[in-house]
Amino acid sequence: MARIIPIEVNPTHTLEVDGALVARGLALAVSEFQTLMERRQITVLCERGTDEDEGLFRASFYHEGRRVRLVLDSSGAPVSVDIRAPDRS
């Protein structure tokens, strides 16, 4: 397993995501993913669910036209994973 990535949702709640899962979805080696994260060359967006999605979080990672979107429960366990590759048409 790769290094854990802390995602700060608010000052009192942090989720941890398996970096290897995200790296695979972005078609990167884990070491390259870690370097790009450290250099802030991967964009991360984290959203907290409301209403019927209360207790869920959506973490999206973007790099070079690829997107990995994880829906996580309150413990950080993935509920769903969606990977979008760049459109080459």
PDB file of N, CA and C in Angstrom:
ATOM      1  N   MET A   1       0.840  -1.172   0.000  1.00  0.00           N
ATOM      2  CA  MET A   1       0.000   0.000   0.000  1.00  0.00           C
ATOM      3  C   MET A   1       0.889   1.240   0.000  1.00  0.00           C
ATOM      4  N   ALA A   2       0.485   2.235  -0.738  1.00  0.00           N
ATOM      5  CA  ALA A   2       1.235   3.488  -0.816  1.00  0.00           C
ATOM      6  C   ALA A   2       0.992   4.335   0.424  1.00  0.00           C
ATOM      7  N   ARG A   3       1.666   5.441   0.450  1.00  0.00           N
ATOM      8  CA  ARG A   3       1.492   6.379   1.557  1.00  0.00           C
ATOM      9  C   ARG A   3       0.040   6.858   1.610  1.00  0.00           C
ATOM     10  N   ILE A   4      -0.492   7.011   2.804  1.00  0.00           N
ATOM     11  CA  ILE A   4      -1.850   7.494   3.014  1.00  0.00           C
ATOM     12  C   ILE A   4      -1.897   8.993   2.741  1.00  0.00           C
ATOM     13  N   ILE A   5      -2.957   9.446   2.080  1.00  0.00           N
ATOM     14  CA  ILE A   5      -3.122  10.856   1.760  1.00  0.00           C
ATOM     15  C   ILE A   5      -4.188  11.437   2.677  1.00  0.00           C
ATOM     16  N   PRO A   6      -3.831  12.343   3.581  1.00  0.00           N
ATOM     17  CA  PRO A   6      -4.862  12.967   4.404  1.00  0.00           C
ATOM     18  C   PRO A   6      -5.628  14.006   3.588  1.00  0.00           C
ATOM     19  N   ILE A   7      -6.938  13.981   3.691  1.00  0.00           N
ATOM     20  CA  ILE A   7      -7.779  14.970   3.025  1.00  0.00           C
ATOM     21  C   ILE A   7      -8.499  15.735   4.121  1.00  0.00           C
ATOM     22  N   GLU A   8      -8.187  17.009   4.244  1.00  0.00           N
ATOM     23  CA  GLU A   8      -8.798  17.809   5.297  1.00  0.00           C
ATOM     24  C   GLU A   8     -10.147  18.330   4.818  1.00  0.00           C
ATOM     25  N   VAL A   9     -11.227  17.858   5.438  1.00  0.00           N
ATOM     26  CA  VAL A   9     -12.577  18.246   5.060  1.00  0.00           C
ATOM     27  C   VAL A   9     -12.977  19.523   5.786  1.00  0.00           C
ATOM     28  N   ASN A  10     -12.668  19.618   7.017  1.00  0.00           N
ATOM     29  CA  ASN A  10     -12.848  20.820   7.821  1.00  0.00           C
ATOM     30  C   ASN A  10     -11.887  20.680   8.993  1.00  0.00           C
ATOM     31  N   PRO A  11     -11.789  21.655   9.845  1.00  0.00           N
ATOM     32  CA  PRO A  11     -10.790  21.554  10.913  1.00  0.00           C
ATOM     33  C   PRO A  11     -10.959  20.352  11.841  1.00  0.00           C
ATOM     34  N   THR A  12     -12.111  19.707  11.851  1.00  0.00           N
ATOM     35  CA  THR A  12     -12.315  18.614  12.801  1.00  0.00           C
ATOM     36  C   THR A  12     -12.442  17.244  12.145  1.00  0.00           C
ATOM     37  N   HIS A  13     -12.372  17.147  10.832  1.00  0.00           N
ATOM     38  CA  HIS A  13     -12.564  15.853  10.183  1.00  0.00           C
ATOM     39  C   HIS A  13     -11.537  15.675   9.067  1.00  0.00           C
ATOM     40  N   THR A  14     -10.773  14.603   9.135  1.00  0.00           N
ATOM     41  CA  THR A  14      -9.802  14.271   8.098  1.00  0.00           C
ATOM     42  C   THR A  14     -10.072  12.855   7.619  1.00  0.00           C
ATOM     43  N   LEU A  15     -10.091  12.668   6.311  1.00  0.00           N
ATOM     44  CA  LEU A  15     -10.246  11.344   5.715  1.00  0.00           C
ATOM     45  C   LEU A  15      -8.898  10.915   5.157  1.00  0.00           C
ATOM     46  N   GLU A  16      -8.639   9.621   5.195  1.00  0.00           N
ATOM     47  CA  GLU A  16      -7.424   9.082   4.592  1.00  0.00           C
ATOM     48  C   GLU A  16      -7.819   8.208   3.418  1.00  0.00           C
ATOM     49  N   VAL A  17      -7.127   8.402   2.307  1.00  0.00           N
ATOM     50  CA  VAL A  17      -7.420   7.695   1.067  1.00  0.00           C
ATOM     51  C   VAL A  17      -6.186   6.902   0.666  1.00  0.00           C
ATOM     52  N   ASP A  18      -6.387   5.698   0.154  1.00  0.00           N
ATOM     53  CA  ASP A  18      -5.279   4.868  -0.322  1.00  0.00           C
ATOM     54  C   ASP A  18      -4.698   5.488  -1.591  1.00  0.00           C
ATOM     55  N   GLY A  19      -3.490   6.011  -1.491  1.00  0.00           N
ATOM     56  CA  GLY A  19      -2.850   6.671  -2.619  1.00  0.00           C
ATOM     57  C   GLY A  19      -2.624   5.749  -3.804  1.00  0.00           C
ATOM     58  N   ALA A  20      -2.411   4.456  -3.566  1.00  0.00           N
ATOM     59  CA  ALA A  20      -2.191   3.514  -4.668  1.00  0.00           C
ATOM     60  C   ALA A  20      -3.442   3.398  -5.535  1.00  0.00           C
ATOM     61  N   LEU A  21      -4.604   3.434  -4.921  1.00  0.00           N
ATOM     62  CA  LEU A  21      -5.870   3.374  -5.657  1.00  0.00           C
ATOM     63  C   LEU A  21      -5.995   4.583  -6.581  1.00  0.00           C
ATOM     64  N   VAL A  22      -5.701   5.753  -6.059  1.00  0.00           N
ATOM     65  CA  VAL A  22      -5.786   6.976  -6.861  1.00  0.00           C
ATOM     66  C   VAL A  22      -4.718   6.971  -7.950  1.00  0.00           C
ATOM     67  N   ALA A  23      -3.498   6.577  -7.612  1.00  0.00           N
ATOM     68  CA  ALA A  23      -2.409   6.530  -8.600  1.00  0.00           C
ATOM     69  C   ALA A  23      -2.785   5.635  -9.778  1.00  0.00           C
ATOM     70  N   ARG A  24      -3.325   4.444  -9.496  1.00  0.00           N
ATOM     71  CA  ARG A  24      -3.742   3.536 -10.581  1.00  0.00           C
ATOM     72  C   ARG A  24      -4.783   4.204 -11.470  1.00  0.00           C
ATOM     73  N   GLY A  25      -5.748   4.863 -10.857  1.00  0.00           N
ATOM     74  CA  GLY A  25      -6.800   5.524 -11.629  1.00  0.00           C
ATOM     75  C   GLY A  25      -6.282   6.650 -12.503  1.00  0.00           C
ATOM     76  N   LEU A  26      -5.219   7.296 -12.066  1.00  0.00           N
ATOM     77  CA  LEU A  26      -4.609   8.373 -12.850  1.00  0.00           C
ATOM     78  C   LEU A  26      -3.529   7.854 -13.791  1.00  0.00           C
ATOM     79  N   ALA A  27      -3.349   6.533 -13.855  1.00  0.00           N
ATOM     80  CA  ALA A  27      -2.352   5.878 -14.713  1.00  0.00           C
ATOM     81  C   ALA A  27      -0.937   6.333 -14.367  1.00  0.00           C
ATOM     82  N   LEU A  28      -0.659   6.424 -13.062  1.00  0.00           N
ATOM     83  CA  LEU A  28       0.651   6.845 -12.578  1.00  0.00           C
ATOM     84  C   LEU A  28       1.247   5.773 -11.677  1.00  0.00           C
ATOM     85  N   ALA A  29       2.568   5.713 -11.651  1.00  0.00           N
ATOM     86  CA  ALA A  29       3.241   4.904 -10.636  1.00  0.00           C
ATOM     87  C   ALA A  29       3.022   5.598  -9.298  1.00  0.00           C
ATOM     88  N   VAL A  30       2.998   4.830  -8.228  1.00  0.00           N
ATOM     89  CA  VAL A  30       2.755   5.399  -6.903  1.00  0.00           C
ATOM     90  C   VAL A  30       3.791   6.470  -6.576  1.00  0.00           C
ATOM     91  N   SER A  31       5.054   6.211  -6.881  1.00  0.00           N
ATOM     92  CA  SER A  31       6.100   7.197  -6.570  1.00  0.00           C
ATOM     93  C   SER A  31       5.897   8.492  -7.357  1.00  0.00           C
ATOM     94  N   GLU A  32       5.485   8.373  -8.613  1.00  0.00           N
ATOM     95  CA  GLU A  32       5.221   9.568  -9.425  1.00  0.00           C
ATOM     96  C   GLU A  32       4.020  10.332  -8.863  1.00  0.00           C
ATOM     97  N   PHE A  33       2.987   9.593  -8.469  1.00  0.00           N
ATOM     98  CA  PHE A  33       1.806  10.210  -7.865  1.00  0.00           C
ATOM     99  C   PHE A  33       2.194  10.984  -6.607  1.00  0.00           C
ATOM    100  N   GLN A  34       3.004  10.374  -5.756  1.00  0.00           N
ATOM    101  CA  GLN A  34       3.431  11.042  -4.520  1.00  0.00           C
ATOM    102  C   GLN A  34       4.188  12.335  -4.827  1.00  0.00           C
ATOM    103  N   THR A  35       5.084  12.265  -5.799  1.00  0.00           N
ATOM    104  CA  THR A  35       5.856  13.453  -6.179  1.00  0.00           C
ATOM    105  C   THR A  35       4.940  14.549  -6.707  1.00  0.00           C
ATOM    106  N   LEU A  36       4.005  14.190  -7.577  1.00  0.00           N
ATOM    107  CA  LEU A  36       3.081  15.180  -8.135  1.00  0.00           C
ATOM    108  C   LEU A  36       2.191  15.786  -7.054  1.00  0.00           C
ATOM    109  N   MET A  37       1.773  14.978  -6.077  1.00  0.00           N
ATOM    110  CA  MET A  37       0.980  15.515  -4.963  1.00  0.00           C
ATOM    111  C   MET A  37       1.811  16.514  -4.162  1.00  0.00           C
ATOM    112  N   GLU A  38       3.054  16.154  -3.862  1.00  0.00           N
ATOM    113  CA  GLU A  38       3.931  17.050  -3.095  1.00  0.00           C
ATOM    114  C   GLU A  38       4.177  18.364  -3.829  1.00  0.00           C
ATOM    115  N   ARG A  39       4.235  18.299  -5.153  1.00  0.00           N
ATOM    116  CA  ARG A  39       4.459  19.500  -5.973  1.00  0.00           C
ATOM    117  C   ARG A  39       3.154  20.229  -6.287  1.00  0.00           C
ATOM    118  N   ARG A  40       2.051  19.716  -5.781  1.00  0.00           N
ATOM    119  CA  ARG A  40       0.710  20.286  -6.006  1.00  0.00           C
ATOM    120  C   ARG A  40       0.353  20.325  -7.488  1.00  0.00           C
ATOM    121  N   GLN A  41       0.744  19.281  -8.210  1.00  0.00           N
ATOM    122  CA  GLN A  41       0.444  19.187  -9.629  1.00  0.00           C
ATOM    123  C   GLN A  41      -0.752  18.280  -9.898  1.00  0.00           C
ATOM    124  N   ILE A  42      -1.371  17.808  -8.848  1.00  0.00           N
ATOM    125  CA  ILE A  42      -2.629  17.076  -8.938  1.00  0.00           C
ATOM    126  C   ILE A  42      -3.654  17.909  -8.179  1.00  0.00           C
ATOM    127  N   THR A  43      -4.764  18.189  -8.837  1.00  0.00           N
ATOM    128  CA  THR A  43      -5.819  18.976  -8.208  1.00  0.00           C
ATOM    129  C   THR A  43      -6.726  18.043  -7.424  1.00  0.00           C
ATOM    130  N   VAL A  44      -7.075  18.455  -6.208  1.00  0.00           N
ATOM    131  CA  VAL A  44      -7.943  17.650  -5.347  1.00  0.00           C
ATOM    132  C   VAL A  44      -9.132  18.503  -4.929  1.00  0.00           C
ATOM    133  N   LEU A  45     -10.320  17.932  -5.044  1.00  0.00           N
ATOM    134  CA  LEU A  45     -11.544  18.583  -4.588  1.00  0.00           C
ATOM    135  C   LEU A  45     -12.261  17.607  -3.670  1.00  0.00           C
ATOM    136  N   CYS A  46     -12.611  18.043  -2.470  1.00  0.00           N
ATOM    137  CA  CYS A  46     -13.338  17.190  -1.533  1.00  0.00           C
ATOM    138  C   CYS A  46     -14.642  17.880  -1.160  1.00  0.00           C
ATOM    139  N   GLU A  47     -15.744  17.128  -1.247  1.00  0.00           N
ATOM    140  CA  GLU A  47     -17.073  17.667  -0.968  1.00  0.00           C
ATOM    141  C   GLU A  47     -17.762  16.806   0.079  1.00  0.00           C
ATOM    142  N   ARG A  48     -18.500  17.450   0.952  1.00  0.00           N
ATOM    143  CA  ARG A  48     -19.242  16.747   2.002  1.00  0.00           C
ATOM    144  C   ARG A  48     -20.685  16.583   1.541  1.00  0.00           C
ATOM    145  N   GLY A  49     -21.233  15.370   1.708  1.00  0.00           N
ATOM    146  CA  GLY A  49     -22.609  15.100   1.314  1.00  0.00           C
ATOM    147  C   GLY A  49     -23.616  15.781   2.230  1.00  0.00           C
ATOM    148  N   THR A  50     -24.748  16.144   1.658  1.00  0.00           N
ATOM    149  CA  THR A  50     -25.850  16.726   2.428  1.00  0.00           C
ATOM    150  C   THR A  50     -27.121  15.955   2.114  1.00  0.00           C
ATOM    151  N   ASP A  51     -28.149  16.183   2.925  1.00  0.00           N
ATOM    152  CA  ASP A  51     -29.454  15.547   2.743  1.00  0.00           C
ATOM    153  C   ASP A  51     -29.302  14.026   2.651  1.00  0.00           C
ATOM    154  N   GLU A  52     -29.714  13.419   1.532  1.00  0.00           N
ATOM    155  CA  GLU A  52     -29.653  11.953   1.432  1.00  0.00           C
ATOM    156  C   GLU A  52     -28.220  11.424   1.364  1.00  0.00           C
ATOM    157  N   ASP A  53     -27.259  12.300   1.094  1.00  0.00           N
ATOM    158  CA  ASP A  53     -25.848  11.906   1.052  1.00  0.00           C
ATOM    159  C   ASP A  53     -25.099  12.268   2.331  1.00  0.00           C
ATOM    160  N   GLU A  54     -25.822  12.659   3.367  1.00  0.00           N
ATOM    161  CA  GLU A  54     -25.206  12.998   4.655  1.00  0.00           C
ATOM    162  C   GLU A  54     -24.337  11.831   5.125  1.00  0.00           C
ATOM    163  N   GLY A  55     -23.137  12.133   5.581  1.00  0.00           N
ATOM    164  CA  GLY A  55     -22.215  11.104   6.058  1.00  0.00           C
ATOM    165  C   GLY A  55     -21.283  10.576   4.984  1.00  0.00           C
ATOM    166  N   LEU A  56     -21.493  11.009   3.734  1.00  0.00           N
ATOM    167  CA  LEU A  56     -20.618  10.610   2.627  1.00  0.00           C
ATOM    168  C   LEU A  56     -19.765  11.800   2.201  1.00  0.00           C
ATOM    169  N   PHE A  57     -18.628  11.489   1.594  1.00  0.00           N
ATOM    170  CA  PHE A  57     -17.725  12.512   1.082  1.00  0.00           C
ATOM    171  C   PHE A  57     -17.320  12.112  -0.326  1.00  0.00           C
ATOM    172  N   ARG A  58     -17.132  13.106  -1.194  1.00  0.00           N
ATOM    173  CA  ARG A  58     -16.667  12.838  -2.551  1.00  0.00           C
ATOM    174  C   ARG A  58     -15.308  13.506  -2.720  1.00  0.00           C
ATOM    175  N   ALA A  59     -14.298  12.707  -3.021  1.00  0.00           N
ATOM    176  CA  ALA A  59     -12.944  13.215  -3.246  1.00  0.00           C
ATOM    177  C   ALA A  59     -12.602  12.989  -4.714  1.00  0.00           C
ATOM    178  N   SER A  60     -12.285  14.070  -5.411  1.00  0.00           N
ATOM    179  CA  SER A  60     -11.948  13.996  -6.834  1.00  0.00           C
ATOM    180  C   SER A  60     -10.502  14.434  -7.026  1.00  0.00           C
ATOM    181  N   PHE A  61      -9.765  13.659  -7.812  1.00  0.00           N
ATOM    182  CA  PHE A  61      -8.358  13.929  -8.109  1.00  0.00           C
ATOM    183  C   PHE A  61      -8.246  14.112  -9.620  1.00  0.00           C
ATOM    184  N   TYR A  62      -7.597  15.196 -10.057  1.00  0.00           N
ATOM    185  CA  TYR A  62      -7.491  15.530 -11.475  1.00  0.00           C
ATOM    186  C   TYR A  62      -6.022  15.683 -11.875  1.00  0.00           C
ATOM    187  N   HIS A  63      -5.676  15.072 -13.036  1.00  0.00           N
ATOM    188  CA  HIS A  63      -4.322  15.240 -13.575  1.00  0.00           C
ATOM    189  C   HIS A  63      -4.331  14.917 -15.063  1.00  0.00           C
ATOM    190  N   GLU A  64      -3.879  15.872 -15.870  1.00  0.00           N
ATOM    191  CA  GLU A  64      -3.724  15.704 -17.324  1.00  0.00           C
ATOM    192  C   GLU A  64      -4.945  15.069 -17.982  1.00  0.00           C
ATOM    193  N   GLY A  65      -6.114  15.607 -17.691  1.00  0.00           N
ATOM    194  CA  GLY A  65      -7.344  15.144 -18.326  1.00  0.00           C
ATOM    195  C   GLY A  65      -7.960  13.909 -17.701  1.00  0.00           C
ATOM    196  N   ARG A  66      -7.288  13.303 -16.758  1.00  0.00           N
ATOM    197  CA  ARG A  66      -7.841  12.139 -16.066  1.00  0.00           C
ATOM    198  C   ARG A  66      -8.483  12.594 -14.772  1.00  0.00           C
ATOM    199  N   ARG A  67      -9.505  11.834 -14.353  1.00  0.00           N
ATOM    200  CA  ARG A  67     -10.157  12.126 -13.085  1.00  0.00           C
ATOM    201  C   ARG A  67     -10.445  10.824 -12.352  1.00  0.00           C
ATOM    202  N   VAL A  68     -10.132  10.805 -11.069  1.00  0.00           N
ATOM    203  CA  VAL A  68     -10.529   9.710 -10.189  1.00  0.00           C
ATOM    204  C   VAL A  68     -11.452  10.333  -9.150  1.00  0.00           C
ATOM    205  N   ARG A  69     -12.672   9.811  -9.064  1.00  0.00           N
ATOM    206  CA  ARG A  69     -13.639  10.329  -8.096  1.00  0.00           C
ATOM    207  C   ARG A  69     -14.025   9.189  -7.157  1.00  0.00           C
ATOM    208  N   LEU A  70     -13.781   9.408  -5.874  1.00  0.00           N
ATOM    209  CA  LEU A  70     -14.108   8.425  -4.849  1.00  0.00           C
ATOM    210  C   LEU A  70     -15.256   8.954  -4.006  1.00  0.00           C
ATOM    211  N   VAL A  71     -16.256   8.132  -3.786  1.00  0.00           N
ATOM    212  CA  VAL A  71     -17.265   8.434  -2.773  1.00  0.00           C
ATOM    213  C   VAL A  71     -16.869   7.608  -1.565  1.00  0.00           C
ATOM    214  N   LEU A  72     -16.719   8.287  -0.427  1.00  0.00           N
ATOM    215  CA  LEU A  72     -16.204   7.665   0.792  1.00  0.00           C
ATOM    216  C   LEU A  72     -17.222   7.753   1.908  1.00  0.00           C
ATOM    217  N   ASP A  73     -17.227   6.737   2.781  1.00  0.00           N
ATOM    218  CA  ASP A  73     -18.054   6.846   3.979  1.00  0.00           C
ATOM    219  C   ASP A  73     -17.292   7.652   5.021  1.00  0.00           C
ATOM    220  N   SER A  74     -17.879   7.853   6.177  1.00  0.00           N
ATOM    221  CA  SER A  74     -17.269   8.733   7.184  1.00  0.00           C
ATOM    222  C   SER A  74     -15.951   8.198   7.737  1.00  0.00           C
ATOM    223  N   SER A  75     -15.671   6.899   7.529  1.00  0.00           N
ATOM    224  CA  SER A  75     -14.390   6.345   7.982  1.00  0.00           C
ATOM    225  C   SER A  75     -13.321   6.433   6.893  1.00  0.00           C
ATOM    226  N   GLY A  76     -13.706   6.867   5.686  1.00  0.00           N
ATOM    227  CA  GLY A  76     -12.771   6.965   4.572  1.00  0.00           C
ATOM    228  C   GLY A  76     -12.778   5.752   3.661  1.00  0.00           C
ATOM    229  N   ALA A  77     -13.638   4.768   3.951  1.00  0.00           N
ATOM    230  CA  ALA A  77     -13.724   3.576   3.100  1.00  0.00           C
ATOM    231  C   ALA A  77     -14.452   3.926   1.796  1.00  0.00           C
ATOM    232  N   PRO A  78     -13.911   3.505   0.649  1.00  0.00           N
ATOM    233  CA  PRO A  78     -14.572   3.798  -0.621  1.00  0.00           C
ATOM    234  C   PRO A  78     -15.933   3.113  -0.726  1.00  0.00           C
ATOM    235  N   VAL A  79     -16.932   3.884  -1.117  1.00  0.00           N
ATOM    236  CA  VAL A  79     -18.270   3.368  -1.406  1.00  0.00           C
ATOM    237  C   VAL A  79     -18.379   3.142  -2.909  1.00  0.00           C
ATOM    238  N   SER A  80     -17.769   4.043  -3.689  1.00  0.00           N
ATOM    239  CA  SER A  80     -17.718   3.882  -5.142  1.00  0.00           C
ATOM    240  C   SER A  80     -16.477   4.582  -5.683  1.00  0.00           C
ATOM    241  N   VAL A  81     -16.033   4.106  -6.849  1.00  0.00           N
ATOM    242  CA  VAL A  81     -14.863   4.675  -7.523  1.00  0.00           C
ATOM    243  C   VAL A  81     -15.249   4.897  -8.977  1.00  0.00           C
ATOM    244  N   ASP A  82     -15.000   6.105  -9.482  1.00  0.00           N
ATOM    245  CA  ASP A  82     -15.295   6.434 -10.872  1.00  0.00           C
ATOM    246  C   ASP A  82     -14.019   7.000 -11.487  1.00  0.00           C
ATOM    247  N   ILE A  83     -13.599   6.425 -12.611  1.00  0.00           N
ATOM    248  CA  ILE A  83     -12.373   6.862 -13.277  1.00  0.00           C
ATOM    249  C   ILE A  83     -12.738   7.351 -14.668  1.00  0.00           C
ATOM    250  N   ARG A  84     -12.262   8.547 -15.005  1.00  0.00           N
ATOM    251  CA  ARG A  84     -12.502   9.097 -16.338  1.00  0.00           C
ATOM    252  C   ARG A  84     -11.158   9.373 -16.990  1.00  0.00           C
ATOM    253  N   ALA A  85     -10.972   8.784 -18.158  1.00  0.00           N
ATOM    254  CA  ALA A  85      -9.749   9.005 -18.928  1.00  0.00           C
ATOM    255  C   ALA A  85      -9.999  10.136 -19.919  1.00  0.00           C
ATOM    256  N   PRO A  86      -8.940  10.748 -20.438  1.00  0.00           N
ATOM    257  CA  PRO A  86      -9.129  11.826 -21.415  1.00  0.00           C
ATOM    258  C   PRO A  86      -9.820  11.314 -22.667  1.00  0.00           C
ATOM    259  N   ASP A  87     -10.645  12.145 -23.256  1.00  0.00           N
ATOM    260  CA  ASP A  87     -11.320  11.811 -24.509  1.00  0.00           C
ATOM    261  C   ASP A  87     -10.320  11.983 -25.643  1.00  0.00           C
ATOM    262  N   ARG A  88     -10.014  10.910 -26.343  1.00  0.00           N
ATOM    263  CA  ARG A  88      -8.999  10.937 -27.416  1.00  0.00           C
ATOM    264  C   ARG A  88      -9.622  11.020 -28.808  1.00  0.00           C
ATOM    265  N   SER A  89     -10.915  11.312 -28.894  1.00  0.00           N
ATOM    266  CA  SER A  89     -11.559  11.332 -30.221  1.00  0.00           C
ATOM    267  C   SER A  89     -11.323  12.605 -30.974  1.00  0.00           C
TER     268      SER A  89
END
